[in-house]
C-alpha atoms as a PDB file:
ATOM      1  CA  MET A   1     106.477  86.704  97.848  1.00  0.00           C
ATOM      2  CA  ASN A   2     105.901  84.677 100.975  1.00  0.00           C
ATOM      3  CA  ILE A   3     104.421  81.232 101.481  1.00  0.00           C
ATOM      4  CA  SER A   4     101.616  80.782 104.013  1.00  0.00           C
ATOM      5  CA  GLU A   5      99.590  77.589 104.425  1.00  0.00           C
ATOM      6  CA  GLY A   6     100.808  76.350 101.051  1.00  0.00           C
ATOM      7  CA  ARG A   7      99.714  79.512  99.205  1.00  0.00           C
ATOM      8  CA  LEU A   8     101.770  82.354  97.856  1.00  0.00           C
ATOM      9  CA  TYR A   9     100.907  85.824  99.113  1.00  0.00           C
ATOM     10  CA  GLU A  10     102.526  89.216  99.131  1.00  0.00           C
ATOM     11  CA  ALA A  11     103.306  91.075 102.343  1.00  0.00           C
ATOM     12  CA  MET A  12     101.428  94.366 101.948  1.00  0.00           C
ATOM     13  CA  VAL A  13     101.606  97.697 103.768  1.00  0.00           C
ATOM     14  CA  GLU A  14      99.430 100.782 103.326  1.00  0.00           C
ATOM     15  CA  VAL A  15     100.863 104.316 103.226  1.00  0.00           C
ATOM     16  CA  ARG A  16      98.446 107.243 103.668  1.00  0.00           C
ATOM     17  CA  VAL A  17      99.242 110.950 103.328  1.00  0.00           C
ATOM     18  CA  TYR A  18      97.200 113.941 104.480  1.00  0.00           C
ATOM     19  CA  LEU A  19      96.418 117.609 103.895  1.00  0.00           C
ATOM     20  CA  THR A  20      98.879 119.566 101.745  1.00  0.00           C
ATOM     21  CA  LEU A  21     101.051 116.488 101.300  1.00  0.00           C
ATOM     22  CA  ARG A  22      98.119 114.760  99.592  1.00  0.00           C
ATOM     23  CA  GLU A  23      97.686 117.742  97.266  1.00  0.00           C
ATOM     24  CA  LYS A  24     101.391 117.904  96.444  1.00  0.00           C
ATOM     25  CA  LEU A  25     101.705 114.181  95.646  1.00  0.00           C
ATOM     26  CA  GLY A  26      98.357 113.732  93.908  1.00  0.00           C
ATOM     27  CA  TRP A  27      97.463 110.581  95.862  1.00  0.00           C
ATOM     28  CA  LYS A  28      96.010 109.847  99.294  1.00  0.00           C
ATOM     29  CA  SER A  29      97.064 106.248  99.826  1.00  0.00           C
ATOM     30  CA  LYS A  30      99.153 103.524  98.268  1.00  0.00           C
ATOM     31  CA  THR A  31      99.386  99.849  99.079  1.00  0.00           C
ATOM     32  CA  LEU A  32     102.842  98.398  98.571  1.00  0.00           C
ATOM     33  CA  SER A  33     104.253  94.908  98.457  1.00  0.00           C
ATOM     34  CA  LEU A  34     107.207  94.573 100.809  1.00  0.00           C
ATOM     35  CA  GLY A  35     108.873  91.763  98.901  1.00  0.00           C
ATOM     36  CA  ARG A  36     109.884  90.183 102.214  1.00  0.00           C
ATOM     37  CA  ASN A  37     108.560  89.964 105.776  1.00  0.00           C
ATOM     38  CA  LYS A  38     110.156  93.136 107.149  1.00  0.00           C
ATOM     39  CA  VAL A  39     111.796  96.235 105.701  1.00  0.00           C
ATOM     40  CA  LYS A  40     113.097  99.435 107.222  1.00  0.00           C
ATOM     41  CA  PHE A  41     110.951 102.528 106.740  1.00  0.00           C
ATOM     42  CA  SER A  42     113.822 104.097 104.784  1.00  0.00           C
ATOM     43  CA  GLU A  43     113.804 101.113 102.370  1.00  0.00           C
ATOM     44  CA  LEU A  44     110.056 101.440 101.900  1.00  0.00           C
ATOM     45  CA  LEU A  45     110.545 105.069 100.877  1.00  0.00           C
ATOM     46  CA  ASP A  46     112.814 103.930  98.039  1.00  0.00           C
ATOM     47  CA  GLU A  47     109.621 102.581  96.413  1.00  0.00           C
ATOM     48  CA  LEU A  48     107.855 105.941  96.840  1.00  0.00           C
ATOM     49  CA  LYS A  49     110.313 108.307  95.215  1.00  0.00           C
ATOM     50  CA  ASP A  50     107.829 111.196  95.002  1.00  0.00           C
ATOM     51  CA  LEU A  51     107.119 110.990  98.739  1.00  0.00           C
ATOM     52  CA  LYS A  52     110.791 110.520  99.605  1.00  0.00           C
ATOM     53  CA  GLY A  53     111.670 113.639  97.599  1.00  0.00           C
ATOM     54  CA  VAL A  54     109.145 115.778  99.480  1.00  0.00           C
ATOM     55  CA  LEU A  55     110.267 114.434 102.863  1.00  0.00           C
ATOM     56  CA  GLU A  56     113.902 115.154 102.003  1.00  0.00           C
ATOM     57  CA  ASP A  57     113.148 118.635 100.627  1.00  0.00           C
ATOM     58  CA  PHE A  58     111.304 119.762 103.757  1.00  0.00           C
ATOM     59  CA  GLY A  59     113.222 117.634 106.267  1.00  0.00           C
ATOM     60  CA  TYR A  60     111.948 114.334 107.646  1.00  0.00           C
ATOM     61  CA  GLU A  61     111.895 115.786 111.160  1.00  0.00           C
ATOM     62  CA  ASN A  62     109.179 118.268 110.147  1.00  0.00           C
ATOM     63  CA  PHE A  63     106.648 115.532 109.350  1.00  0.00           C
ATOM     64  CA  MET A  64     104.647 113.388 111.747  1.00  0.00           C
ATOM     65  CA  ILE A  65     105.130 109.809 110.589  1.00  0.00           C
ATOM     66  CA  LEU A  66     103.006 107.222 112.370  1.00  0.00           C
ATOM     67  CA  LEU A  67     103.381 103.450 112.135  1.00  0.00           C
ATOM     68  CA  ASN A  68     100.163 101.839 113.358  1.00  0.00           C
ATOM     69  CA  GLY A  69      99.455 105.037 115.294  1.00  0.00           C
ATOM     70  CA  ARG A  70     102.902 105.285 116.924  1.00  0.00           C
ATOM     71  CA  ASN A  71     105.331 108.054 116.052  1.00  0.00           C
ATOM     72  CA  ILE A  72     108.410 106.470 114.455  1.00  0.00           C
ATOM     73  CA  ARG A  73     110.608 109.040 116.236  1.00  0.00           C
ATOM     74  CA  LEU A  74     109.814 107.134 119.419  1.00  0.00           C
ATOM     75  CA  LEU A  75     110.713 103.840 117.750  1.00  0.00           C
ATOM     76  CA  ASP A  76     113.825 103.510 115.557  1.00  0.00           C
ATOM     77  CA  TRP A  77     113.129 106.590 113.398  1.00  0.00           C
ATOM     78  CA  LEU A  78     114.001 105.846 109.741  1.00  0.00           C
ATOM     79  CA  ASP A  79     115.298 102.388 110.729  1.00  0.00           C
ATOM     80  CA  THR A  80     111.893 101.386 112.146  1.00  0.00           C
ATOM     81  CA  GLU A  81     110.877  97.996 110.757  1.00  0.00           C
ATOM     82  CA  VAL A  82     107.670  97.792 108.743  1.00  0.00           C
ATOM     83  CA  GLU A  83     105.845  94.452 108.506  1.00  0.00           C
ATOM     84  CA  GLU A  84     102.953  92.918 106.633  1.00  0.00           C
ATOM     85  CA  GLY A  85      99.629  94.546 107.494  1.00  0.00           C
ATOM     86  CA  ASP A  86     101.170  97.708 108.922  1.00  0.00           C
ATOM     87  CA  SER A  87      99.771 101.113 108.088  1.00  0.00           C
ATOM     88  CA  ILE A  88     101.785 104.308 107.833  1.00  0.00           C
ATOM     89  CA  ASP A  89     100.211 107.750 108.156  1.00  0.00           C
ATOM     90  CA  ILE A  90     102.236 110.825 107.207  1.00  0.00           C
ATOM     91  CA  PHE A  91     101.161 114.338 108.166  1.00  0.00           C
ATOM     92  CA  PRO A  92     102.842 117.476 106.798  1.00  0.00           C
ATOM     93  CA  PRO A  93     104.147 120.257 109.043  1.00  0.00           C
ATOM     94  CA  ALA A  94     101.428 122.410 110.544  1.00  0.00           C
ATOM     95  CA  GLY A  95     101.399 126.011 109.425  1.00  0.00           C
ATOM     96  CA  GLY A  96      99.816 129.039 110.886  1.00  0.00           C
ATOM     97  CA  GLY A  97     100.495 132.287 112.496  1.00  0.00           C
END
């Protein structure tokens, strides 16, 4: 919990998943409390064990993970810091032939 203007509030972040990932997990978005001002993306995944398991099984590098529209590979990858109000969008690998 954080204190702002004399009130307590929780730093929240929204995680959204798409396509087959949504079907596999059974949810399309979750809003999480960070517990502090900033956390690493890898720490955030510890709260989403179902998502973390899928990402590990198929390889993180095969997913497009966007933080506020920016690919985290171009930032600090799994060490990218997530802050209050951020949104994370995760897209599964594209298939086809």
